[in-house]
Amino acid sequence: MNDTIIGEKKYTQIKLSSLNPKRAKRKKIGYEIYLVDTNIKMKPFFNEPLAFEVWREKKNFPDGLVVEKHYYSYDGKLSYSQVLKETSPVSFELIIKK
């Protein structure tokens, strides 16, 4: 999908949907739209197993921070949205003793 500009930042927009629209309508499968900030270098974080499997197999999801996620039902109505409110850096050290 086309890139999105919010404020002064440019975000990459990704749509995950079924490849077969007739099957999606019959099974009532919706689609998700992700807004990704590619200026932050990190692997994408998914809380949906299907999105993770798509990323793992195809590697076509850009690296960056997922800022917004919108889920639309099969008939095109917005079901829910998730918006990242804030981030904070975390620094930790893992020590494994034998």
PDB file of N, CA and C in Angstrom:
ATOM      1  N   MET A   1       0.836  -1.174   0.000  1.00  0.00           N
ATOM      2  CA  MET A   1       0.000   0.000   0.000  1.00  0.00           C
ATOM      3  C   MET A   1       0.886   1.245   0.000  1.00  0.00           C
ATOM      4  N   ASN A   2       0.294   2.398  -0.243  1.00  0.00           N
ATOM      5  CA  ASN A   2       1.029   3.651  -0.253  1.00  0.00           C
ATOM      6  C   ASN A   2       1.492   4.013   1.155  1.00  0.00           C
ATOM      7  N   ASP A   3       2.548   4.822   1.227  1.00  0.00           N
ATOM      8  CA  ASP A   3       3.033   5.291   2.512  1.00  0.00           C
ATOM      9  C   ASP A   3       2.075   6.339   3.072  1.00  0.00           C
ATOM     10  N   THR A   4       2.131   6.514   4.391  1.00  0.00           N
ATOM     11  CA  THR A   4       1.247   7.440   5.082  1.00  0.00           C
ATOM     12  C   THR A   4       2.086   8.479   5.815  1.00  0.00           C
ATOM     13  N   ILE A   5       1.656   9.718   5.809  1.00  0.00           N
ATOM     14  CA  ILE A   5       2.344  10.780   6.539  1.00  0.00           C
ATOM     15  C   ILE A   5       1.420  11.260   7.650  1.00  0.00           C
ATOM     16  N   ILE A   6       1.901  11.177   8.904  1.00  0.00           N
ATOM     17  CA  ILE A   6       1.162  11.659  10.068  1.00  0.00           C
ATOM     18  C   ILE A   6       2.060  12.677  10.758  1.00  0.00           C
ATOM     19  N   GLY A   7       1.601  13.901  10.849  1.00  0.00           N
ATOM     20  CA  GLY A   7       2.448  14.962  11.382  1.00  0.00           C
ATOM     21  C   GLY A   7       3.585  15.208  10.397  1.00  0.00           C
ATOM     22  N   GLU A   8       4.799  15.020  10.843  1.00  0.00           N
ATOM     23  CA  GLU A   8       5.962  15.162   9.973  1.00  0.00           C
ATOM     24  C   GLU A   8       6.641  13.828   9.719  1.00  0.00           C
ATOM     25  N   LYS A   9       6.100  12.739  10.263  1.00  0.00           N
ATOM     26  CA  LYS A   9       6.715  11.427  10.109  1.00  0.00           C
ATOM     27  C   LYS A   9       6.072  10.646   8.980  1.00  0.00           C
ATOM     28  N   LYS A  10       6.886   9.877   8.293  1.00  0.00           N
ATOM     29  CA  LYS A  10       6.418   9.042   7.191  1.00  0.00           C
ATOM     30  C   LYS A  10       6.389   7.588   7.666  1.00  0.00           C
ATOM     31  N   TYR A  11       5.252   6.932   7.480  1.00  0.00           N
ATOM     32  CA  TYR A  11       5.067   5.549   7.906  1.00  0.00           C
ATOM     33  C   TYR A  11       4.786   4.666   6.695  1.00  0.00           C
ATOM     34  N   THR A  12       5.242   3.428   6.769  1.00  0.00           N
ATOM     35  CA  THR A  12       4.926   2.441   5.751  1.00  0.00           C
ATOM     36  C   THR A  12       3.626   1.758   6.141  1.00  0.00           C
ATOM     37  N   GLN A  13       2.753   1.568   5.176  1.00  0.00           N
ATOM     38  CA  GLN A  13       1.445   0.964   5.437  1.00  0.00           C
ATOM     39  C   GLN A  13       1.423  -0.428   4.807  1.00  0.00           C
ATOM     40  N   ILE A  14       1.066  -1.439   5.605  1.00  0.00           N
ATOM     41  CA  ILE A  14       1.042  -2.834   5.171  1.00  0.00           C
ATOM     42  C   ILE A  14      -0.364  -3.379   5.381  1.00  0.00           C
ATOM     43  N   LYS A  15      -0.866  -4.110   4.399  1.00  0.00           N
ATOM     44  CA  LYS A  15      -2.189  -4.734   4.504  1.00  0.00           C
ATOM     45  C   LYS A  15      -2.023  -6.246   4.430  1.00  0.00           C
ATOM     46  N   LEU A  16      -2.545  -6.945   5.439  1.00  0.00           N
ATOM     47  CA  LEU A  16      -2.556  -8.409   5.448  1.00  0.00           C
ATOM     48  C   LEU A  16      -3.985  -8.863   5.216  1.00  0.00           C
ATOM     49  N   SER A  17      -4.206  -9.515   4.082  1.00  0.00           N
ATOM     50  CA  SER A  17      -5.547  -9.979   3.757  1.00  0.00           C
ATOM     51  C   SER A  17      -5.447 -11.300   3.007  1.00  0.00           C
ATOM     52  N   SER A  18      -6.562 -11.940   2.834  1.00  0.00           N
ATOM     53  CA  SER A  18      -6.629 -13.201   2.114  1.00  0.00           C
ATOM     54  C   SER A  18      -6.397 -12.966   0.622  1.00  0.00           C
ATOM     55  N   LEU A  19      -5.740 -13.910  -0.021  1.00  0.00           N
ATOM     56  CA  LEU A  19      -5.499 -13.797  -1.453  1.00  0.00           C
ATOM     57  C   LEU A  19      -6.732 -14.137  -2.277  1.00  0.00           C
ATOM     58  N   ASN A  20      -7.682 -14.836  -1.679  1.00  0.00           N
ATOM     59  CA  ASN A  20      -8.894 -15.249  -2.369  1.00  0.00           C
ATOM     60  C   ASN A  20     -10.087 -14.469  -1.787  1.00  0.00           C
ATOM     61  N   PRO A  21     -10.552 -13.408  -2.457  1.00  0.00           N
ATOM     62  CA  PRO A  21     -11.638 -12.599  -1.882  1.00  0.00           C
ATOM     63  C   PRO A  21     -12.960 -13.353  -1.744  1.00  0.00           C
ATOM     64  N   LYS A  22     -13.235 -14.302  -2.630  1.00  0.00           N
ATOM     65  CA  LYS A  22     -14.480 -15.073  -2.508  1.00  0.00           C
ATOM     66  C   LYS A  22     -14.451 -15.942  -1.254  1.00  0.00           C
ATOM     67  N   ARG A  23     -13.310 -16.567  -0.984  1.00  0.00           N
ATOM     68  CA  ARG A  23     -13.172 -17.398   0.214  1.00  0.00           C
ATOM     69  C   ARG A  23     -13.250 -16.527   1.466  1.00  0.00           C
ATOM     70  N   ALA A  24     -12.633 -15.352   1.427  1.00  0.00           N
ATOM     71  CA  ALA A  24     -12.661 -14.448   2.574  1.00  0.00           C
ATOM     72  C   ALA A  24     -14.097 -14.021   2.883  1.00  0.00           C
ATOM     73  N   LYS A  25     -14.885 -13.747   1.855  1.00  0.00           N
ATOM     74  CA  LYS A  25     -16.275 -13.354   2.075  1.00  0.00           C
ATOM     75  C   LYS A  25     -17.099 -14.524   2.601  1.00  0.00           C
ATOM     76  N   ARG A  26     -16.872 -15.718   2.039  1.00  0.00           N
ATOM     77  CA  ARG A  26     -17.616 -16.901   2.470  1.00  0.00           C
ATOM     78  C   ARG A  26     -17.285 -17.275   3.915  1.00  0.00           C
ATOM     79  N   LYS A  27     -16.010 -17.205   4.286  1.00  0.00           N
ATOM     80  CA  LYS A  27     -15.574 -17.567   5.639  1.00  0.00           C
ATOM     81  C   LYS A  27     -15.628 -16.380   6.608  1.00  0.00           C
ATOM     82  N   LYS A  28     -16.000 -15.187   6.071  1.00  0.00           N
ATOM     83  CA  LYS A  28     -16.096 -13.962   6.858  1.00  0.00           C
ATOM     84  C   LYS A  28     -14.757 -13.613   7.510  1.00  0.00           C
ATOM     85  N   ILE A  29     -13.715 -13.593   6.669  1.00  0.00           N
ATOM     86  CA  ILE A  29     -12.360 -13.274   7.107  1.00  0.00           C
ATOM     87  C   ILE A  29     -12.086 -11.800   6.833  1.00  0.00           C
ATOM     88  N   GLY A  30     -11.652 -11.081   7.830  1.00  0.00           N
ATOM     89  CA  GLY A  30     -11.337  -9.668   7.680  1.00  0.00           C
ATOM     90  C   GLY A  30      -9.890  -9.456   7.252  1.00  0.00           C
ATOM     91  N   TYR A  31      -9.435  -8.226   7.348  1.00  0.00           N
ATOM     92  CA  TYR A  31      -8.047  -7.909   7.008  1.00  0.00           C
ATOM     93  C   TYR A  31      -7.501  -6.892   7.997  1.00  0.00           C
ATOM     94  N   GLU A  32      -6.157  -6.845   8.081  1.00  0.00           N
ATOM     95  CA  GLU A  32      -5.485  -5.950   9.009  1.00  0.00           C
ATOM     96  C   GLU A  32      -4.615  -4.969   8.241  1.00  0.00           C
ATOM     97  N   ILE A  33      -4.538  -3.747   8.745  1.00  0.00           N
ATOM     98  CA  ILE A  33      -3.655  -2.729   8.179  1.00  0.00           C
ATOM     99  C   ILE A  33      -2.715  -2.286   9.286  1.00  0.00           C
ATOM    100  N   TYR A  34      -1.413  -2.334   9.002  1.00  0.00           N
ATOM    101  CA  TYR A  34      -0.378  -1.940   9.951  1.00  0.00           C
ATOM    102  C   TYR A  34       0.287  -0.659   9.474  1.00  0.00           C
ATOM    103  N   LEU A  35       0.559   0.273  10.389  1.00  0.00           N
ATOM    104  CA  LEU A  35       1.390   1.439  10.120  1.00  0.00           C
ATOM    105  C   LEU A  35       2.718   1.199  10.829  1.00  0.00           C
ATOM    106  N   VAL A  36       3.814   1.191  10.061  1.00  0.00           N
ATOM    107  CA  VAL A  36       5.121   0.829  10.585  1.00  0.00           C
ATOM    108  C   VAL A  36       6.065   2.025  10.466  1.00  0.00           C
ATOM    109  N   ASP A  37       6.716   2.373  11.575  1.00  0.00           N
ATOM    110  CA  ASP A  37       7.745   3.415  11.581  1.00  0.00           C
ATOM    111  C   ASP A  37       9.069   2.737  11.249  1.00  0.00           C
ATOM    112  N   THR A  38       9.565   2.934  10.036  1.00  0.00           N
ATOM    113  CA  THR A  38      10.786   2.263   9.592  1.00  0.00           C
ATOM    114  C   THR A  38      12.045   3.003  10.013  1.00  0.00           C
ATOM    115  N   ASN A  39      11.918   4.169  10.650  1.00  0.00           N
ATOM    116  CA  ASN A  39      13.098   4.875  11.151  1.00  0.00           C
ATOM    117  C   ASN A  39      13.681   4.188  12.371  1.00  0.00           C
ATOM    118  N   ILE A  40      12.871   3.434  13.085  1.00  0.00           N
ATOM    119  CA  ILE A  40      13.332   2.678  14.248  1.00  0.00           C
ATOM    120  C   ILE A  40      13.705   1.285  13.773  1.00  0.00           C
ATOM    121  N   LYS A  41      14.948   0.923  13.919  1.00  0.00           N
ATOM    122  CA  LYS A  41      15.438  -0.358  13.420  1.00  0.00           C
ATOM    123  C   LYS A  41      15.210  -1.451  14.452  1.00  0.00           C
ATOM    124  N   MET A  42      14.234  -2.286  14.184  1.00  0.00           N
ATOM    125  CA  MET A  42      13.947  -3.442  15.020  1.00  0.00           C
ATOM    126  C   MET A  42      13.110  -4.430  14.220  1.00  0.00           C
ATOM    127  N   LYS A  43      13.139  -5.670  14.612  1.00  0.00           N
ATOM    128  CA  LYS A  43      12.299  -6.671  13.975  1.00  0.00           C
ATOM    129  C   LYS A  43      10.859  -6.428  14.400  1.00  0.00           C
ATOM    130  N   PRO A  44       9.898  -6.667  13.507  1.00  0.00           N
ATOM    131  CA  PRO A  44       8.504  -6.405  13.872  1.00  0.00           C
ATOM    132  C   PRO A  44       8.027  -7.323  14.990  1.00  0.00           C
ATOM    133  N   PHE A  45       7.176  -6.785  15.850  1.00  0.00           N
ATOM    134  CA  PHE A  45       6.590  -7.534  16.958  1.00  0.00           C
ATOM    135  C   PHE A  45       5.142  -7.826  16.622  1.00  0.00           C
ATOM    136  N   PHE A  46       4.786  -9.110  16.606  1.00  0.00           N
ATOM    137  CA  PHE A  46       3.423  -9.514  16.273  1.00  0.00           C
ATOM    138  C   PHE A  46       2.797 -10.213  17.468  1.00  0.00           C
ATOM    139  N   ASN A  47       1.551  -9.891  17.752  1.00  0.00           N
ATOM    140  CA  ASN A  47       0.802 -10.639  18.758  1.00  0.00           C
ATOM    141  C   ASN A  47      -0.222 -11.552  18.094  1.00  0.00           C
ATOM    142  N   GLU A  48      -0.199 -11.607  16.772  1.00  0.00           N
ATOM    143  CA  GLU A  48      -1.084 -12.487  16.012  1.00  0.00           C
ATOM    144  C   GLU A  48      -0.237 -13.591  15.368  1.00  0.00           C
ATOM    145  N   PRO A  49      -0.540 -14.853  15.598  1.00  0.00           N
ATOM    146  CA  PRO A  49       0.261 -15.931  15.021  1.00  0.00           C
ATOM    147  C   PRO A  49       0.253 -15.933  13.488  1.00  0.00           C
ATOM    148  N   LEU A  50      -0.873 -15.585  12.881  1.00  0.00           N
ATOM    149  CA  LEU A  50      -0.953 -15.585  11.425  1.00  0.00           C
ATOM    150  C   LEU A  50      -0.029 -14.537  10.815  1.00  0.00           C
ATOM    151  N   ALA A  51      -0.003 -13.351  11.388  1.00  0.00           N
ATOM    152  CA  ALA A  51       0.886 -12.297  10.888  1.00  0.00           C
ATOM    153  C   ALA A  51       2.344 -12.710  11.043  1.00  0.00           C
ATOM    154  N   PHE A  52       2.681 -13.357  12.150  1.00  0.00           N
ATOM    155  CA  PHE A  52       4.049 -13.824  12.349  1.00  0.00           C
ATOM    156  C   PHE A  52       4.431 -14.873  11.308  1.00  0.00           C
ATOM    157  N   GLU A  53       3.539 -15.800  11.020  1.00  0.00           N
ATOM    158  CA  GLU A  53       3.829 -16.840  10.031  1.00  0.00           C
ATOM    159  C   GLU A  53       4.014 -16.247   8.640  1.00  0.00           C
ATOM    160  N   VAL A  54       3.201 -15.246   8.281  1.00  0.00           N
ATOM    161  CA  VAL A  54       3.350 -14.587   6.986  1.00  0.00           C
ATOM    162  C   VAL A  54       4.705 -13.898   6.913  1.00  0.00           C
ATOM    163  N   TRP A  55       5.095 -13.201   7.974  1.00  0.00           N
ATOM    164  CA  TRP A  55       6.387 -12.518   7.994  1.00  0.00           C
ATOM    165  C   TRP A  55       7.529 -13.517   7.915  1.00  0.00           C
ATOM    166  N   ARG A  56       7.419 -14.610   8.657  1.00  0.00           N
ATOM    167  CA  ARG A  56       8.500 -15.600   8.690  1.00  0.00           C
ATOM    168  C   ARG A  56       8.711 -16.259   7.339  1.00  0.00           C
ATOM    169  N   GLU A  57       7.641 -16.554   6.621  1.00  0.00           N
ATOM    170  CA  GLU A  57       7.758 -17.234   5.330  1.00  0.00           C
ATOM    171  C   GLU A  57       8.182 -16.291   4.207  1.00  0.00           C
ATOM    172  N   LYS A  58       7.594 -15.118   4.116  1.00  0.00           N
ATOM    173  CA  LYS A  58       7.803 -14.252   2.955  1.00  0.00           C
ATOM    174  C   LYS A  58       8.809 -13.146   3.185  1.00  0.00           C
ATOM    175  N   LYS A  59       9.030 -12.743   4.423  1.00  0.00           N
ATOM    176  CA  LYS A  59       9.966 -11.662   4.772  1.00  0.00           C
ATOM    177  C   LYS A  59       9.663 -10.373   4.019  1.00  0.00           C
ATOM    178  N   ASN A  60       8.393 -10.102   3.721  1.00  0.00           N
ATOM    179  CA  ASN A  60       8.041  -8.891   2.987  1.00  0.00           C
ATOM    180  C   ASN A  60       7.484  -7.793   3.896  1.00  0.00           C
ATOM    181  N   PHE A  61       7.496  -8.016   5.187  1.00  0.00           N
ATOM    182  CA  PHE A  61       7.065  -7.012   6.155  1.00  0.00           C
ATOM    183  C   PHE A  61       8.298  -6.207   6.537  1.00  0.00           C
ATOM    184  N   PRO A  62       8.276  -4.866   6.459  1.00  0.00           N
ATOM    185  CA  PRO A  62       9.483  -4.086   6.729  1.00  0.00           C
ATOM    186  C   PRO A  62       9.871  -4.115   8.202  1.00  0.00           C
ATOM    187  N   ASP A  63      11.163  -3.990   8.461  1.00  0.00           N
ATOM    188  CA  ASP A  63      11.638  -3.886   9.833  1.00  0.00           C
ATOM    189  C   ASP A  63      11.276  -2.510  10.373  1.00  0.00           C
ATOM    190  N   GLY A  64      10.831  -2.469  11.596  1.00  0.00           N
ATOM    191  CA  GLY A  64      10.460  -1.208  12.227  1.00  0.00           C
ATOM    192  C   GLY A  64       9.457  -1.430  13.336  1.00  0.00           C
ATOM    193  N   LEU A  65       9.010  -0.347  13.919  1.00  0.00           N
ATOM    194  CA  LEU A  65       8.080  -0.383  15.039  1.00  0.00           C
ATOM    195  C   LEU A  65       6.655  -0.231  14.532  1.00  0.00           C
ATOM    196  N   VAL A  66       5.775  -1.149  14.911  1.00  0.00           N
ATOM    197  CA  VAL A  66       4.364  -1.072  14.522  1.00  0.00           C
ATOM    198  C   VAL A  66       3.703  -0.014  15.404  1.00  0.00           C
ATOM    199  N   VAL A  67       3.272   1.085  14.796  1.00  0.00           N
ATOM    200  CA  VAL A  67       2.710   2.221  15.527  1.00  0.00           C
ATOM    201  C   VAL A  67       1.198   2.100  15.653  1.00  0.00           C
ATOM    202  N   GLU A  68       0.536   1.652  14.591  1.00  0.00           N
ATOM    203  CA  GLU A  68      -0.918   1.479  14.621  1.00  0.00           C
ATOM    204  C   GLU A  68      -1.290   0.182  13.927  1.00  0.00           C
ATOM    205  N   LYS A  69      -2.398  -0.413  14.399  1.00  0.00           N
ATOM    206  CA  LYS A  69      -2.935  -1.612  13.768  1.00  0.00           C
ATOM    207  C   LYS A  69      -4.446  -1.465  13.734  1.00  0.00           C
ATOM    208  N   HIS A  70      -5.026  -1.672  12.557  1.00  0.00           N
ATOM    209  CA  HIS A  70      -6.470  -1.562  12.385  1.00  0.00           C
ATOM    210  C   HIS A  70      -6.982  -2.883  11.805  1.00  0.00           C
ATOM    211  N   TYR A  71      -8.065  -3.381  12.372  1.00  0.00           N
ATOM    212  CA  TYR A  71      -8.682  -4.610  11.868  1.00  0.00           C
ATOM    213  C   TYR A  71     -10.050  -4.268  11.293  1.00  0.00           C
ATOM    214  N   TYR A  72     -10.263  -4.658  10.047  1.00  0.00           N
ATOM    215  CA  TYR A  72     -11.537  -4.452   9.371  1.00  0.00           C
ATOM    216  C   TYR A  72     -12.216  -5.799   9.179  1.00  0.00           C
ATOM    217  N   SER A  73     -13.517  -5.853   9.419  1.00  0.00           N
ATOM    218  CA  SER A  73     -14.268  -7.090   9.233  1.00  0.00           C
ATOM    219  C   SER A  73     -14.427  -7.372   7.738  1.00  0.00           C
ATOM    220  N   TYR A  74     -14.981  -8.508   7.420  1.00  0.00           N
ATOM    221  CA  TYR A  74     -15.105  -8.938   6.024  1.00  0.00           C
ATOM    222  C   TYR A  74     -15.927  -7.968   5.185  1.00  0.00           C
ATOM    223  N   ASP A  75     -16.830  -7.211   5.817  1.00  0.00           N
ATOM    224  CA  ASP A  75     -17.661  -6.277   5.053  1.00  0.00           C
ATOM    225  C   ASP A  75     -17.068  -4.863   5.009  1.00  0.00           C
ATOM    226  N   GLY A  76     -15.831  -4.688   5.482  1.00  0.00           N
ATOM    227  CA  GLY A  76     -15.129  -3.416   5.368  1.00  0.00           C
ATOM    228  C   GLY A  76     -15.348  -2.450   6.511  1.00  0.00           C
ATOM    229  N   LYS A  77     -15.999  -2.889   7.582  1.00  0.00           N
ATOM    230  CA  LYS A  77     -16.227  -2.013   8.733  1.00  0.00           C
ATOM    231  C   LYS A  77     -15.073  -2.160   9.731  1.00  0.00           C
ATOM    232  N   LEU A  78     -14.638  -1.034  10.286  1.00  0.00           N
ATOM    233  CA  LEU A  78     -13.558  -1.043  11.263  1.00  0.00           C
ATOM    234  C   LEU A  78     -14.039  -1.727  12.540  1.00  0.00           C
ATOM    235  N   SER A  79     -13.371  -2.828  12.911  1.00  0.00           N
ATOM    236  CA  SER A  79     -13.752  -3.561  14.118  1.00  0.00           C
ATOM    237  C   SER A  79     -13.005  -3.043  15.340  1.00  0.00           C
ATOM    238  N   TYR A  80     -11.688  -2.884  15.221  1.00  0.00           N
ATOM    239  CA  TYR A  80     -10.917  -2.317  16.329  1.00  0.00           C
ATOM    240  C   TYR A  80      -9.619  -1.719  15.821  1.00  0.00           C
ATOM    241  N   SER A  81      -9.050  -0.851  16.638  1.00  0.00           N
ATOM    242  CA  SER A  81      -7.775  -0.203  16.336  1.00  0.00           C
ATOM    243  C   SER A  81      -6.888  -0.277  17.560  1.00  0.00           C
ATOM    244  N   GLN A  82      -5.600  -0.414  17.319  1.00  0.00           N
ATOM    245  CA  GLN A  82      -4.608  -0.354  18.387  1.00  0.00           C
ATOM    246  C   GLN A  82      -3.610   0.724  18.009  1.00  0.00           C
ATOM    247  N   VAL A  83      -3.337   1.626  18.947  1.00  0.00           N
ATOM    248  CA  VAL A  83      -2.403   2.716  18.709  1.00  0.00           C
ATOM    249  C   VAL A  83      -1.350   2.682  19.806  1.00  0.00           C
ATOM    250  N   LEU A  84      -0.088   2.757  19.415  1.00  0.00           N
ATOM    251  CA  LEU A  84       1.018   2.790  20.367  1.00  0.00           C
ATOM    252  C   LEU A  84       1.072   4.168  21.002  1.00  0.00           C
ATOM    253  N   LYS A  85       0.962   4.229  22.305  1.00  0.00           N
ATOM    254  CA  LYS A  85       0.943   5.510  23.019  1.00  0.00           C
ATOM    255  C   LYS A  85       2.347   6.040  23.265  1.00  0.00           C
ATOM    256  N   GLU A  86       3.234   5.192  23.791  1.00  0.00           N
ATOM    257  CA  GLU A  86       4.585   5.643  24.096  1.00  0.00           C
ATOM    258  C   GLU A  86       5.544   4.464  24.111  1.00  0.00           C
ATOM    259  N   THR A  87       6.803   4.779  23.982  1.00  0.00           N
ATOM    260  CA  THR A  87       7.856   3.772  24.067  1.00  0.00           C
ATOM    261  C   THR A  87       8.894   4.268  25.057  1.00  0.00           C
ATOM    262  N   SER A  88       9.600   3.334  25.649  1.00  0.00           N
ATOM    263  CA  SER A  88      10.709   3.689  26.538  1.00  0.00           C
ATOM    264  C   SER A  88      11.822   2.678  26.322  1.00  0.00           C
ATOM    265  N   PRO A  89      13.054   3.151  26.242  1.00  0.00           N
ATOM    266  CA  PRO A  89      14.175   2.231  26.002  1.00  0.00           C
ATOM    267  C   PRO A  89      14.428   1.353  27.227  1.00  0.00           C
ATOM    268  N   VAL A  90      14.813   0.129  26.964  1.00  0.00           N
ATOM    269  CA  VAL A  90      15.100  -0.832  28.022  1.00  0.00           C
ATOM    270  C   VAL A  90      16.489  -1.384  27.776  1.00  0.00           C
ATOM    271  N   SER A  91      17.264  -1.445  28.802  1.00  0.00           N
ATOM    272  CA  SER A  91      18.614  -1.987  28.713  1.00  0.00           C
ATOM    273  C   SER A  91      18.726  -3.090  29.762  1.00  0.00           C
ATOM    274  N   PHE A  92      19.106  -4.277  29.339  1.00  0.00           N
ATOM    275  CA  PHE A  92      19.242  -5.357  30.300  1.00  0.00           C
ATOM    276  C   PHE A  92      20.399  -6.251  29.885  1.00  0.00           C
ATOM    277  N   GLU A  93      20.864  -7.018  30.851  1.00  0.00           N
ATOM    278  CA  GLU A  93      21.981  -7.922  30.613  1.00  0.00           C
ATOM    279  C   GLU A  93      21.578  -9.298  31.135  1.00  0.00           C
ATOM    280  N   LEU A  94      21.778 -10.316  30.318  1.00  0.00           N
ATOM    281  CA  LEU A  94      21.411 -11.674  30.664  1.00  0.00           C
ATOM    282  C   LEU A  94      22.678 -12.451  30.979  1.00  0.00           C
ATOM    283  N   ILE A  95      22.762 -13.001  32.169  1.00  0.00           N
ATOM    284  CA  ILE A  95      23.930 -13.783  32.589  1.00  0.00           C
ATOM    285  C   ILE A  95      23.454 -15.197  32.884  1.00  0.00           C
ATOM    286  N   ILE A  96      24.067 -16.162  32.204  1.00  0.00           N
ATOM    287  CA  ILE A  96      23.734 -17.567  32.420  1.00  0.00           C
ATOM    288  C   ILE A  96      24.950 -18.232  33.039  1.00  0.00           C
ATOM    289  N   LYS A  97      24.802 -18.698  34.273  1.00  0.00           N
ATOM    290  CA  LYS A  97      25.912 -19.349  34.980  1.00  0.00           C
ATOM    291  C   LYS A  97      25.848 -20.845  34.742  1.00  0.00           C
ATOM    292  N   LYS A  98      27.002 -21.430  34.616  1.00  0.00           N
ATOM    293  CA  LYS A  98      27.080 -22.891  34.423  1.00  0.00           C
ATOM    294  C   LYS A  98      27.046 -23.609  35.732  1.00  0.00           C
TER     295      LYS A  98
END
